[in-house]
C-alpha atoms as a PDB file:
ATOM      1  CA  UNK A   1      83.613 160.341  79.815  1.00  0.00           C
ATOM      2  CA  UNK A   2      79.872 160.839  79.859  1.00  0.00           C
ATOM      3  CA  UNK A   3      80.229 163.363  82.687  1.00  0.00           C
ATOM      4  CA  UNK A   4      82.364 165.392  80.263  1.00  0.00           C
ATOM      5  CA  UNK A   5      79.524 165.458  77.756  1.00  0.00           C
ATOM      6  CA  UNK A   6      80.781 162.670  75.504  1.00  0.00           C
ATOM      7  CA  UNK A   7      78.538 159.847  74.343  1.00  0.00           C
ATOM      8  CA  UNK A   8      80.255 156.464  74.618  1.00  0.00           C
ATOM      9  CA  UNK A   9      79.514 152.943  73.522  1.00  0.00           C
ATOM     10  CA  UNK A  10      80.739 150.290  75.960  1.00  0.00           C
ATOM     11  CA  UNK A  11      82.161 147.107  74.470  1.00  0.00           C
ATOM     12  CA  UNK A  12      82.000 144.658  77.372  1.00  0.00           C
ATOM     13  CA  UNK A  13      83.461 141.838  75.289  1.00  0.00           C
ATOM     14  CA  UNK A  14      86.661 143.816  74.696  1.00  0.00           C
ATOM     15  CA  UNK A  15      86.595 145.587  78.065  1.00  0.00           C
ATOM     16  CA  UNK A  16      86.754 149.084  76.613  1.00  0.00           C
ATOM     17  CA  UNK A  17      84.627 151.850  75.134  1.00  0.00           C
ATOM     18  CA  UNK A  18      84.581 154.097  72.089  1.00  0.00           C
ATOM     19  CA  UNK A  19      83.132 157.492  71.372  1.00  0.00           C
ATOM     20  CA  UNK A  20      79.833 157.686  69.544  1.00  0.00           C
ATOM     21  CA  UNK A  21      79.879 159.906  66.453  1.00  0.00           C
ATOM     22  CA  UNK A  22      82.717 162.091  67.694  1.00  0.00           C
ATOM     23  CA  UNK A  23      83.408 164.810  65.115  1.00  0.00           C
ATOM     24  CA  UNK A  24      87.088 165.437  64.312  1.00  0.00           C
ATOM     25  CA  UNK A  25      86.990 168.928  65.825  1.00  0.00           C
ATOM     26  CA  UNK A  26      86.304 167.328  69.240  1.00  0.00           C
ATOM     27  CA  UNK A  27      89.260 164.884  69.175  1.00  0.00           C
ATOM     28  CA  UNK A  28      91.499 167.171  71.237  1.00  0.00           C
ATOM     29  CA  UNK A  29      88.784 167.715  73.857  1.00  0.00           C
ATOM     30  CA  UNK A  30      88.134 163.949  73.975  1.00  0.00           C
ATOM     31  CA  UNK A  31      91.822 163.167  74.474  1.00  0.00           C
ATOM     32  CA  UNK A  32      92.159 165.839  77.149  1.00  0.00           C
ATOM     33  CA  UNK A  33      89.153 164.486  79.049  1.00  0.00           C
ATOM     34  CA  UNK A  34      90.480 160.916  78.694  1.00  0.00           C
ATOM     35  CA  UNK A  35      93.726 162.027  80.330  1.00  0.00           C
ATOM     36  CA  UNK A  36      91.852 163.720  83.181  1.00  0.00           C
ATOM     37  CA  UNK A  37      89.742 160.607  83.732  1.00  0.00           C
ATOM     38  CA  UNK A  38      92.859 158.437  83.764  1.00  0.00           C
ATOM     39  CA  UNK A  39      94.458 160.667  86.393  1.00  0.00           C
ATOM     40  CA  UNK A  40      91.299 160.557  88.498  1.00  0.00           C
ATOM     41  CA  UNK A  41      90.807 156.801  88.252  1.00  0.00           C
ATOM     42  CA  UNK A  42      94.480 155.808  88.321  1.00  0.00           C
ATOM     43  CA  UNK A  43      96.195 152.887  86.712  1.00  0.00           C
ATOM     44  CA  UNK A  44      94.345 149.581  86.748  1.00  0.00           C
ATOM     45  CA  UNK A  45      95.681 146.905  89.065  1.00  0.00           C
ATOM     46  CA  UNK A  46      97.481 144.290  87.025  1.00  0.00           C
ATOM     47  CA  UNK A  47      98.245 140.877  88.430  1.00  0.00           C
ATOM     48  CA  UNK A  48     101.778 139.621  88.063  1.00  0.00           C
ATOM     49  CA  UNK A  49     102.076 138.055  84.638  1.00  0.00           C
ATOM     50  CA  UNK A  50     104.454 135.418  83.419  1.00  0.00           C
ATOM     51  CA  UNK A  51     106.760 136.086  80.486  1.00  0.00           C
ATOM     52  CA  UNK A  52     104.873 133.383  78.592  1.00  0.00           C
ATOM     53  CA  UNK A  53     101.571 135.268  79.043  1.00  0.00           C
ATOM     54  CA  UNK A  54     103.107 138.507  77.820  1.00  0.00           C
ATOM     55  CA  UNK A  55     104.738 136.736  74.851  1.00  0.00           C
ATOM     56  CA  UNK A  56     101.370 135.217  73.931  1.00  0.00           C
ATOM     57  CA  UNK A  57      99.861 138.703  74.072  1.00  0.00           C
ATOM     58  CA  UNK A  58     102.506 139.904  71.617  1.00  0.00           C
ATOM     59  CA  UNK A  59     101.341 137.143  69.260  1.00  0.00           C
ATOM     60  CA  UNK A  60      97.803 138.532  69.590  1.00  0.00           C
ATOM     61  CA  UNK A  61      99.092 141.958  68.499  1.00  0.00           C
ATOM     62  CA  UNK A  62     100.927 140.410  65.528  1.00  0.00           C
ATOM     63  CA  UNK A  63      97.707 138.684  64.414  1.00  0.00           C
ATOM     64  CA  UNK A  64      95.797 141.941  64.841  1.00  0.00           C
ATOM     65  CA  UNK A  65      98.389 143.823  62.767  1.00  0.00           C
ATOM     66  CA  UNK A  66      98.005 141.259  59.960  1.00  0.00           C
ATOM     67  CA  UNK A  67      94.234 141.637  60.078  1.00  0.00           C
ATOM     68  CA  UNK A  68      94.462 145.439  59.917  1.00  0.00           C
ATOM     69  CA  UNK A  69      96.862 145.215  56.971  1.00  0.00           C
ATOM     70  CA  UNK A  70      94.386 142.932  55.195  1.00  0.00           C
ATOM     71  CA  UNK A  71      91.817 145.727  55.607  1.00  0.00           C
ATOM     72  CA  UNK A  72      94.251 148.024  53.801  1.00  0.00           C
ATOM     73  CA  UNK A  73      95.814 149.881  56.730  1.00  0.00           C
ATOM     74  CA  UNK A  74      99.541 150.441  56.926  1.00  0.00           C
ATOM     75  CA  UNK A  75     101.046 149.214  60.190  1.00  0.00           C
ATOM     76  CA  UNK A  76     104.600 149.943  61.275  1.00  0.00           C
ATOM     77  CA  UNK A  77     107.150 147.181  61.578  1.00  0.00           C
ATOM     78  CA  UNK A  78     106.682 145.438  64.931  1.00  0.00           C
ATOM     79  CA  UNK A  79     109.474 145.620  67.477  1.00  0.00           C
ATOM     80  CA  UNK A  80     111.323 142.484  68.461  1.00  0.00           C
ATOM     81  CA  UNK A  81     109.438 140.186  70.791  1.00  0.00           C
ATOM     82  CA  UNK A  82     112.004 140.837  73.550  1.00  0.00           C
ATOM     83  CA  UNK A  83     111.709 144.606  73.183  1.00  0.00           C
ATOM     84  CA  UNK A  84     107.897 144.461  73.272  1.00  0.00           C
ATOM     85  CA  UNK A  85     107.881 142.164  76.310  1.00  0.00           C
ATOM     86  CA  UNK A  86     110.062 144.633  78.212  1.00  0.00           C
ATOM     87  CA  UNK A  87     107.798 147.597  77.424  1.00  0.00           C
ATOM     88  CA  UNK A  88     104.338 146.026  77.049  1.00  0.00           C
ATOM     89  CA  UNK A  89     102.834 147.914  80.004  1.00  0.00           C
ATOM     90  CA  UNK A  90     104.204 151.339  79.078  1.00  0.00           C
ATOM     91  CA  UNK A  91     103.203 154.019  76.630  1.00  0.00           C
ATOM     92  CA  UNK A  92     106.146 152.902  74.485  1.00  0.00           C
ATOM     93  CA  UNK A  93     104.597 149.619  73.424  1.00  0.00           C
ATOM     94  CA  UNK A  94     103.560 148.846  69.849  1.00  0.00           C
ATOM     95  CA  UNK A  95      99.783 148.928  69.390  1.00  0.00           C
ATOM     96  CA  UNK A  96      98.491 148.422  65.833  1.00  0.00           C
ATOM     97  CA  UNK A  97      94.996 149.732  66.626  1.00  0.00           C
ATOM     98  CA  UNK A  98      96.538 152.940  67.927  1.00  0.00           C
ATOM     99  CA  UNK A  99      98.166 153.495  64.556  1.00  0.00           C
ATOM    100  CA  UNK A 100      94.869 152.927  62.754  1.00  0.00           C
ATOM    101  CA  UNK A 101      92.860 155.142  65.097  1.00  0.00           C
ATOM    102  CA  UNK A 102      95.201 158.010  64.211  1.00  0.00           C
ATOM    103  CA  UNK A 103      94.083 157.907  60.557  1.00  0.00           C
ATOM    104  CA  UNK A 104      90.353 157.167  60.887  1.00  0.00           C
ATOM    105  CA  UNK A 105      88.003 160.160  60.943  1.00  0.00           C
ATOM    106  CA  UNK A 106      84.751 158.243  60.519  1.00  0.00           C
ATOM    107  CA  UNK A 107      83.331 156.600  63.683  1.00  0.00           C
ATOM    108  CA  UNK A 108      81.493 153.980  61.616  1.00  0.00           C
ATOM    109  CA  UNK A 109      84.802 152.965  60.001  1.00  0.00           C
ATOM    110  CA  UNK A 110      86.408 152.655  63.434  1.00  0.00           C
ATOM    111  CA  UNK A 111      83.526 150.438  64.524  1.00  0.00           C
ATOM    112  CA  UNK A 112      83.900 148.288  61.392  1.00  0.00           C
ATOM    113  CA  UNK A 113      87.643 147.929  61.983  1.00  0.00           C
ATOM    114  CA  UNK A 114      87.072 146.837  65.583  1.00  0.00           C
ATOM    115  CA  UNK A 115      84.427 144.331  64.525  1.00  0.00           C
ATOM    116  CA  UNK A 116      86.587 142.770  61.811  1.00  0.00           C
ATOM    117  CA  UNK A 117      89.861 142.989  63.750  1.00  0.00           C
ATOM    118  CA  UNK A 118      89.043 143.020  67.485  1.00  0.00           C
ATOM    119  CA  UNK A 119      91.598 144.618  69.750  1.00  0.00           C
ATOM    120  CA  UNK A 120      93.496 142.150  71.934  1.00  0.00           C
ATOM    121  CA  UNK A 121      92.016 141.785  75.388  1.00  0.00           C
ATOM    122  CA  UNK A 122      93.842 143.698  78.102  1.00  0.00           C
ATOM    123  CA  UNK A 123      96.204 141.618  80.222  1.00  0.00           C
ATOM    124  CA  UNK A 124      94.998 141.409  83.795  1.00  0.00           C
END
């Protein structure tokens, strides 16, 4: 992302990164560059997971959704556990932080949300 001119803040604890002070008018450019980077890097290698591990991860998302709701954000109704387990590694899965990121324009608010309600760790 930095090679595209975007400043990022790496969160090693969560295994991800966020933009630094990204103005709303650059969201489309950010998303476009993210897609290009994803195509260049490819999908991460994911070890074979048991159903129990994936079900536990769903519980992490439920807890995160409750936390986000306590902060005042509206989160959609979660899918059934079975439905989520079948689609957890696709773009169709339910991700509460994704819903919140769509409504936050202030990078400091996004940082606060992630500090108070950390995103579940990626399954690997």
